[in-house]
Amino acid sequence: MDAPETPVSPLVTLASSYGDRRMRSWCHALFAFDAQVAGIVLQAREPMLAQIRLQWWHDVIGKPASARPSANPVLAALLPLEADGLDLHAALGSVIRGWESALEIDQPEAVAEFAEGRGALIAAFQPIAPEVIREDLAQIGQAWALWDMVRFHRRTAALDAAVAGIEHTALRAITLPRKLRPISIVARAVRLDIAGGGMERPWGSPGVFAGLVWHGLTGR
């Protein structure tokens, strides 16, 4: 359990580069954690074994920092975030439970639980901008969780239906401050892709990335 088993998406890599040093640190740690937990589920051959590994992560983030494995790079990256205001167990316990639901991702109830749980990763950024409404970040998080799963990892009828039900116009109404620009980039990419309709076409054309870079620089 030394390193993420599933790399973060190109979108996350791009978006993270438009944060200041503090935000980049948060992006690196939180998205690496998500990738670590995602790898357990997406590469699982036996759901029971995946659940055991997920429980290990749930237990370890609930321990005091001094009791956690000090050599684990993901845990090490999360440590400064705790000192910076992140409630590790409260924020990331939900993410673990969301990924556990993904073990049954062909069921609509599991998809809803996955979106809510994994989406909490985006809400975990609130300590950087306390003035932002947590529900707005959670809404972005749920949309991103579903979209990213379908775009880069796995598709089921239940997932496709959930992505089709995302209200992209509501995402457009959410305004985030400059210090959360990486999250704004993620929200914009998700919104525009869903608004375009259909997950069958390729994603990530030069035009898409150019638009996201422009948004990263200007906020427009």
C-alpha atoms as a PDB file:
ATOM      1  CA  MET A   1       0.000   0.000   0.000  1.00  0.00           C
ATOM      2  CA  ASP A   2       2.867   2.321  -0.743  1.00  0.00           C
ATOM      3  CA  ALA A   3       1.654   4.270  -3.760  1.00  0.00           C
ATOM      4  CA  PRO A   4      -1.479   5.016  -5.738  1.00  0.00           C
ATOM      5  CA  GLU A   5      -2.401   2.051  -7.919  1.00  0.00           C
ATOM      6  CA  THR A   6      -4.549   4.137 -10.258  1.00  0.00           C
ATOM      7  CA  PRO A   7      -3.093   7.396 -11.583  1.00  0.00           C
ATOM      8  CA  VAL A   8      -5.074  10.597 -11.388  1.00  0.00           C
ATOM      9  CA  SER A   9      -6.740  11.718 -14.594  1.00  0.00           C
ATOM     10  CA  PRO A  10      -5.139  14.172 -17.038  1.00  0.00           C
ATOM     11  CA  LEU A  11      -7.833  16.661 -16.037  1.00  0.00           C
ATOM     12  CA  VAL A  12      -6.805  16.559 -12.387  1.00  0.00           C
ATOM     13  CA  THR A  13      -3.137  16.920 -13.345  1.00  0.00           C
ATOM     14  CA  LEU A  14      -3.918  19.975 -15.458  1.00  0.00           C
ATOM     15  CA  ALA A  15      -6.284  21.566 -12.959  1.00  0.00           C
ATOM     16  CA  SER A  16      -3.912  21.144 -10.021  1.00  0.00           C
ATOM     17  CA  SER A  17      -1.228  23.179 -11.766  1.00  0.00           C
ATOM     18  CA  TYR A  18      -3.405  26.312 -11.541  1.00  0.00           C
ATOM     19  CA  GLY A  19      -3.453  26.418  -7.752  1.00  0.00           C
ATOM     20  CA  ASP A  20      -1.067  28.234  -5.467  1.00  0.00           C
ATOM     21  CA  ARG A  21       1.407  26.246  -3.389  1.00  0.00           C
ATOM     22  CA  ARG A  22      -1.134  25.511  -0.674  1.00  0.00           C
ATOM     23  CA  MET A  23      -3.784  24.392  -3.143  1.00  0.00           C
ATOM     24  CA  ARG A  24      -1.339  22.232  -5.080  1.00  0.00           C
ATOM     25  CA  SER A  25      -0.413  20.481  -1.848  1.00  0.00           C
ATOM     26  CA  TRP A  26      -4.076  19.782  -1.109  1.00  0.00           C
ATOM     27  CA  CYS A  27      -4.728  18.584  -4.670  1.00  0.00           C
ATOM     28  CA  HIS A  28      -1.712  16.288  -4.656  1.00  0.00           C
ATOM     29  CA  ALA A  29      -2.636  14.682  -1.347  1.00  0.00           C
ATOM     30  CA  LEU A  30      -6.403  14.365  -1.767  1.00  0.00           C
ATOM     31  CA  PHE A  31      -6.438  13.149  -5.351  1.00  0.00           C
ATOM     32  CA  ALA A  32      -3.593  10.718  -4.595  1.00  0.00           C
ATOM     33  CA  PHE A  33      -5.699   9.343  -1.759  1.00  0.00           C
ATOM     34  CA  ASP A  34      -8.664   8.957  -4.105  1.00  0.00           C
ATOM     35  CA  ALA A  35      -6.444   7.193  -6.647  1.00  0.00           C
ATOM     36  CA  GLN A  36      -5.108   4.857  -3.970  1.00  0.00           C
ATOM     37  CA  VAL A  37      -8.575   3.823  -2.841  1.00  0.00           C
ATOM     38  CA  ALA A  38      -9.844   3.662  -6.430  1.00  0.00           C
ATOM     39  CA  GLY A  39      -7.107   1.180  -7.322  1.00  0.00           C
ATOM     40  CA  ILE A  40      -8.291  -1.179  -4.594  1.00  0.00           C
ATOM     41  CA  VAL A  41     -11.797  -1.278  -6.068  1.00  0.00           C
ATOM     42  CA  LEU A  42     -11.104  -1.049  -9.785  1.00  0.00           C
ATOM     43  CA  GLN A  43      -8.492  -3.805  -9.723  1.00  0.00           C
ATOM     44  CA  ALA A  44     -10.365  -6.067  -7.302  1.00  0.00           C
ATOM     45  CA  ARG A  45     -10.989  -9.661  -8.282  1.00  0.00           C
ATOM     46  CA  GLU A  46     -12.586 -10.579  -4.973  1.00  0.00           C
ATOM     47  CA  PRO A  47     -14.923  -7.991  -3.409  1.00  0.00           C
ATOM     48  CA  MET A  48     -14.257  -9.377   0.063  1.00  0.00           C
ATOM     49  CA  LEU A  49     -10.518  -8.783  -0.266  1.00  0.00           C
ATOM     50  CA  ALA A  50     -11.189  -5.260  -1.519  1.00  0.00           C
ATOM     51  CA  GLN A  51     -13.408  -4.600   1.473  1.00  0.00           C
ATOM     52  CA  ILE A  52     -10.638  -5.759   3.822  1.00  0.00           C
ATOM     53  CA  ARG A  53      -8.166  -3.357   2.203  1.00  0.00           C
ATOM     54  CA  LEU A  54     -10.682  -0.522   2.303  1.00  0.00           C
ATOM     55  CA  GLN A  55     -11.282  -1.208   5.984  1.00  0.00           C
ATOM     56  CA  TRP A  56      -7.531  -0.942   6.569  1.00  0.00           C
ATOM     57  CA  TRP A  57      -7.581   2.537   5.110  1.00  0.00           C
ATOM     58  CA  HIS A  58     -10.659   3.480   7.101  1.00  0.00           C
ATOM     59  CA  ASP A  59      -9.010   2.307  10.295  1.00  0.00           C
ATOM     60  CA  VAL A  60      -5.668   3.936   9.642  1.00  0.00           C
ATOM     61  CA  ILE A  61      -7.027   7.430   8.916  1.00  0.00           C
ATOM     62  CA  GLY A  62      -8.912   7.232  12.193  1.00  0.00           C
ATOM     63  CA  LYS A  63      -5.684   6.764  14.163  1.00  0.00           C
ATOM     64  CA  PRO A  64      -3.535   9.580  15.547  1.00  0.00           C
ATOM     65  CA  ALA A  65      -0.833  10.660  13.124  1.00  0.00           C
ATOM     66  CA  SER A  66       1.855   9.111  15.324  1.00  0.00           C
ATOM     67  CA  ALA A  67       0.212   5.686  14.989  1.00  0.00           C
ATOM     68  CA  ARG A  68      -0.025   5.639  11.196  1.00  0.00           C
ATOM     69  CA  PRO A  69       2.562   3.989   8.907  1.00  0.00           C
ATOM     70  CA  SER A  70       5.105   6.755   8.471  1.00  0.00           C
ATOM     71  CA  ALA A  71       6.573   5.343   5.244  1.00  0.00           C
ATOM     72  CA  ASN A  72       3.300   5.464   3.298  1.00  0.00           C
ATOM     73  CA  PRO A  73       3.595   8.383   0.836  1.00  0.00           C
ATOM     74  CA  VAL A  74      -0.142   9.010   0.609  1.00  0.00           C
ATOM     75  CA  LEU A  75      -0.501   9.242   4.372  1.00  0.00           C
ATOM     76  CA  ALA A  76       2.615  11.421   4.534  1.00  0.00           C
ATOM     77  CA  ALA A  77       1.143  13.814   1.972  1.00  0.00           C
ATOM     78  CA  LEU A  78      -2.077  14.074   3.964  1.00  0.00           C
ATOM     79  CA  LEU A  79      -0.312  14.936   7.221  1.00  0.00           C
ATOM     80  CA  PRO A  80       0.283  18.656   6.462  1.00  0.00           C
ATOM     81  CA  LEU A  81      -3.361  19.010   5.433  1.00  0.00           C
ATOM     82  CA  GLU A  82      -4.464  18.016   8.917  1.00  0.00           C
ATOM     83  CA  ALA A  83      -2.395  20.827  10.373  1.00  0.00           C
ATOM     84  CA  ASP A  84      -4.018  23.101   7.791  1.00  0.00           C
ATOM     85  CA  GLY A  85      -7.591  22.344   8.837  1.00  0.00           C
ATOM     86  CA  LEU A  86      -8.566  19.026   7.223  1.00  0.00           C
ATOM     87  CA  ASP A  87     -10.566  16.648   9.404  1.00  0.00           C
ATOM     88  CA  LEU A  88      -9.014  13.547   7.908  1.00  0.00           C
ATOM     89  CA  HIS A  89     -11.365  10.882   9.229  1.00  0.00           C
ATOM     90  CA  ALA A  90     -14.581  12.851   8.692  1.00  0.00           C
ATOM     91  CA  ALA A  91     -13.662  13.966   5.173  1.00  0.00           C
ATOM     92  CA  LEU A  92     -12.003  10.878   3.766  1.00  0.00           C
ATOM     93  CA  GLY A  93     -14.023   8.233   5.571  1.00  0.00           C
ATOM     94  CA  SER A  94     -16.886   9.206   3.282  1.00  0.00           C
ATOM     95  CA  VAL A  95     -14.665   8.762   0.228  1.00  0.00           C
ATOM     96  CA  ILE A  96     -13.752   5.246   1.319  1.00  0.00           C
ATOM     97  CA  ARG A  97     -17.396   4.345   1.860  1.00  0.00           C
ATOM     98  CA  GLY A  98     -18.223   5.747  -1.564  1.00  0.00           C
ATOM     99  CA  TRP A  99     -15.640   3.540  -3.233  1.00  0.00           C
ATOM    100  CA  GLU A 100     -16.888   0.566  -1.264  1.00  0.00           C
ATOM    101  CA  SER A 101     -20.295   1.162  -2.827  1.00  0.00           C
ATOM    102  CA  ALA A 102     -18.603   1.002  -6.231  1.00  0.00           C
ATOM    103  CA  LEU A 103     -18.077  -2.715  -5.708  1.00  0.00           C
ATOM    104  CA  GLU A 104     -21.761  -2.978  -6.712  1.00  0.00           C
ATOM    105  CA  ILE A 105     -21.759  -0.163  -9.238  1.00  0.00           C
ATOM    106  CA  ASP A 106     -24.357  -1.850 -11.451  1.00  0.00           C
ATOM    107  CA  GLN A 107     -27.045  -1.010  -8.859  1.00  0.00           C
ATOM    108  CA  PRO A 108     -28.654   2.473  -8.856  1.00  0.00           C
ATOM    109  CA  GLU A 109     -28.555   2.675  -5.051  1.00  0.00           C
ATOM    110  CA  ALA A 110     -24.845   1.904  -5.050  1.00  0.00           C
ATOM    111  CA  VAL A 111     -24.236   4.542  -7.726  1.00  0.00           C
ATOM    112  CA  ALA A 112     -25.968   7.184  -5.601  1.00  0.00           C
ATOM    113  CA  GLU A 113     -23.910   6.195  -2.553  1.00  0.00           C
ATOM    114  CA  PHE A 114     -20.742   6.211  -4.642  1.00  0.00           C
ATOM    115  CA  ALA A 115     -21.428   9.712  -5.957  1.00  0.00           C
ATOM    116  CA  GLU A 116     -22.150  11.099  -2.507  1.00  0.00           C
ATOM    117  CA  GLY A 117     -19.194   9.392  -0.863  1.00  0.00           C
ATOM    118  CA  ARG A 118     -16.519   9.962  -3.457  1.00  0.00           C
ATOM    119  CA  GLY A 119     -17.882  13.444  -4.088  1.00  0.00           C
ATOM    120  CA  ALA A 120     -16.958  14.317  -0.509  1.00  0.00           C
ATOM    121  CA  LEU A 121     -13.366  14.544  -1.760  1.00  0.00           C
ATOM    122  CA  ILE A 122     -14.187  17.888  -3.389  1.00  0.00           C
ATOM    123  CA  ALA A 123     -16.075  19.118  -0.333  1.00  0.00           C
ATOM    124  CA  ALA A 124     -12.920  18.363   1.670  1.00  0.00           C
ATOM    125  CA  PHE A 125     -11.307  21.418   0.057  1.00  0.00           C
ATOM    126  CA  GLN A 126     -13.593  23.785   1.976  1.00  0.00           C
ATOM    127  CA  PRO A 127     -11.025  24.688   4.674  1.00  0.00           C
ATOM    128  CA  ILE A 128      -9.092  26.528   1.957  1.00  0.00           C
ATOM    129  CA  ALA A 129     -12.132  28.720   1.234  1.00  0.00           C
ATOM    130  CA  PRO A 130     -14.484  28.635   4.254  1.00  0.00           C
ATOM    131  CA  GLU A 131     -16.723  31.224   2.640  1.00  0.00           C
ATOM    132  CA  VAL A 132     -17.771  28.729  -0.054  1.00  0.00           C
ATOM    133  CA  ILE A 133     -21.003  26.846   0.602  1.00  0.00           C
ATOM    134  CA  ARG A 134     -20.134  23.237   1.338  1.00  0.00           C
ATOM    135  CA  GLU A 135     -23.172  21.992  -0.574  1.00  0.00           C
ATOM    136  CA  ASP A 136     -21.846  23.679  -3.720  1.00  0.00           C
ATOM    137  CA  LEU A 137     -18.567  21.798  -3.427  1.00  0.00           C
ATOM    138  CA  ALA A 138     -20.451  18.575  -2.713  1.00  0.00           C
ATOM    139  CA  GLN A 139     -22.559  19.089  -5.848  1.00  0.00           C
ATOM    140  CA  ILE A 140     -19.430  19.553  -7.947  1.00  0.00           C
ATOM    141  CA  GLY A 141     -17.901  16.535  -6.240  1.00  0.00           C
ATOM    142  CA  GLN A 142     -20.802  14.237  -7.008  1.00  0.00           C
ATOM    143  CA  ALA A 143     -20.883  15.287 -10.662  1.00  0.00           C
ATOM    144  CA  TRP A 144     -17.121  14.828 -10.967  1.00  0.00           C
ATOM    145  CA  ALA A 145     -17.211  11.441  -9.213  1.00  0.00           C
ATOM    146  CA  LEU A 146     -19.747  10.046 -11.660  1.00  0.00           C
ATOM    147  CA  TRP A 147     -18.298  11.671 -14.756  1.00  0.00           C
ATOM    148  CA  ASP A 148     -14.727  10.621 -13.979  1.00  0.00           C
ATOM    149  CA  MET A 149     -15.824   7.032 -13.331  1.00  0.00           C
ATOM    150  CA  VAL A 150     -17.602   6.796 -16.673  1.00  0.00           C
ATOM    151  CA  ARG A 151     -14.966   8.677 -18.662  1.00  0.00           C
ATOM    152  CA  PHE A 152     -11.845   6.986 -17.338  1.00  0.00           C
ATOM    153  CA  HIS A 153     -12.691   3.826 -15.441  1.00  0.00           C
ATOM    154  CA  ARG A 154     -15.937   1.899 -15.775  1.00  0.00           C
ATOM    155  CA  ARG A 155     -19.397   2.064 -17.310  1.00  0.00           C
ATOM    156  CA  THR A 156     -22.665   0.443 -16.311  1.00  0.00           C
ATOM    157  CA  ALA A 157     -26.246   1.258 -17.243  1.00  0.00           C
ATOM    158  CA  ALA A 158     -26.789   2.659 -13.753  1.00  0.00           C
ATOM    159  CA  LEU A 159     -23.728   4.904 -14.036  1.00  0.00           C
ATOM    160  CA  ASP A 160     -24.749   6.135 -17.482  1.00  0.00           C
ATOM    161  CA  ALA A 161     -28.221   6.989 -16.175  1.00  0.00           C
ATOM    162  CA  ALA A 162     -26.747   8.892 -13.242  1.00  0.00           C
ATOM    163  CA  VAL A 163     -24.432  10.931 -15.477  1.00  0.00           C
ATOM    164  CA  ALA A 164     -27.340  11.709 -17.811  1.00  0.00           C
ATOM    165  CA  GLY A 165     -29.264  13.028 -14.804  1.00  0.00           C
ATOM    166  CA  ILE A 166     -26.614  15.534 -13.727  1.00  0.00           C
ATOM    167  CA  GLU A 167     -27.948  19.092 -13.922  1.00  0.00           C
ATOM    168  CA  HIS A 168     -25.098  20.793 -15.735  1.00  0.00           C
ATOM    169  CA  THR A 169     -26.871  24.159 -15.666  1.00  0.00           C
ATOM    170  CA  ALA A 170     -26.772  24.047 -11.855  1.00  0.00           C
ATOM    171  CA  LEU A 171     -23.011  23.524 -11.987  1.00  0.00           C
ATOM    172  CA  ARG A 172     -22.681  26.618 -14.124  1.00  0.00           C
ATOM    173  CA  ALA A 173     -24.361  28.721 -11.443  1.00  0.00           C
ATOM    174  CA  ILE A 174     -21.702  27.839  -8.850  1.00  0.00           C
ATOM    175  CA  THR A 175     -18.996  30.466  -8.543  1.00  0.00           C
ATOM    176  CA  LEU A 176     -15.726  29.644  -6.813  1.00  0.00           C
ATOM    177  CA  PRO A 177     -12.963  32.015  -5.656  1.00  0.00           C
ATOM    178  CA  ARG A 178      -9.556  32.172  -7.312  1.00  0.00           C
ATOM    179  CA  LYS A 179      -7.944  30.053  -4.589  1.00  0.00           C
ATOM    180  CA  LEU A 180     -10.151  27.139  -5.660  1.00  0.00           C
ATOM    181  CA  ARG A 181      -9.356  27.540  -9.353  1.00  0.00           C
ATOM    182  CA  PRO A 182      -8.370  23.859  -9.793  1.00  0.00           C
ATOM    183  CA  ILE A 183     -11.830  22.831  -8.599  1.00  0.00           C
ATOM    184  CA  SER A 184     -13.377  25.404 -10.902  1.00  0.00           C
ATOM    185  CA  ILE A 185     -11.493  23.872 -13.830  1.00  0.00           C
ATOM    186  CA  VAL A 186     -12.732  20.406 -12.920  1.00  0.00           C
ATOM    187  CA  ALA A 187     -16.313  21.656 -12.617  1.00  0.00           C
ATOM    188  CA  ARG A 188     -16.091  23.428 -15.963  1.00  0.00           C
ATOM    189  CA  ALA A 189     -14.723  20.365 -17.746  1.00  0.00           C
ATOM    190  CA  VAL A 190     -17.433  18.134 -16.322  1.00  0.00           C
ATOM    191  CA  ARG A 191     -20.194  20.614 -17.085  1.00  0.00           C
ATOM    192  CA  LEU A 192     -19.171  21.229 -20.686  1.00  0.00           C
ATOM    193  CA  ASP A 193     -18.697  17.542 -21.433  1.00  0.00           C
ATOM    194  CA  ILE A 194     -22.071  16.577 -20.014  1.00  0.00           C
ATOM    195  CA  ALA A 195     -23.770  19.501 -21.731  1.00  0.00           C
ATOM    196  CA  GLY A 196     -22.294  18.265 -25.021  1.00  0.00           C
ATOM    197  CA  GLY A 197     -24.184  15.005 -24.568  1.00  0.00           C
ATOM    198  CA  GLY A 198     -23.008  11.432 -24.861  1.00  0.00           C
ATOM    199  CA  MET A 199     -19.994   9.699 -23.365  1.00  0.00           C
ATOM    200  CA  GLU A 200     -19.196   7.751 -26.518  1.00  0.00           C
ATOM    201  CA  ARG A 201     -17.153  10.438 -28.208  1.00  0.00           C
ATOM    202  CA  PRO A 202     -13.472  10.897 -27.267  1.00  0.00           C
ATOM    203  CA  TRP A 203     -12.633  13.446 -24.618  1.00  0.00           C
ATOM    204  CA  GLY A 204      -9.567  15.618 -24.259  1.00  0.00           C
ATOM    205  CA  SER A 205      -9.106  17.247 -27.661  1.00  0.00           C
ATOM    206  CA  PRO A 206      -6.606  20.116 -27.985  1.00  0.00           C
ATOM    207  CA  GLY A 207      -9.540  22.528 -28.078  1.00  0.00           C
ATOM    208  CA  VAL A 208     -10.879  21.211 -24.765  1.00  0.00           C
ATOM    209  CA  PHE A 209      -7.543  21.574 -23.046  1.00  0.00           C
ATOM    210  CA  ALA A 210      -6.987  25.023 -24.556  1.00  0.00           C
ATOM    211  CA  GLY A 211     -10.316  26.157 -23.140  1.00  0.00           C
ATOM    212  CA  LEU A 212      -9.478  24.785 -19.719  1.00  0.00           C
ATOM    213  CA  VAL A 213      -6.065  26.452 -19.759  1.00  0.00           C
ATOM    214  CA  TRP A 214      -7.754  29.762 -20.612  1.00  0.00           C
ATOM    215  CA  HIS A 215     -10.170  29.286 -17.746  1.00  0.00           C
ATOM    216  CA  GLY A 216      -7.262  28.466 -15.463  1.00  0.00           C
ATOM    217  CA  LEU A 217      -5.525  31.696 -16.385  1.00  0.00           C
ATOM    218  CA  THR A 218      -8.486  34.046 -16.495  1.00  0.00           C
ATOM    219  CA  GLY A 219     -11.382  32.399 -14.673  1.00  0.00           C
ATOM    220  CA  ARG A 220     -13.501  32.853 -17.789  1.00  0.00           C
END
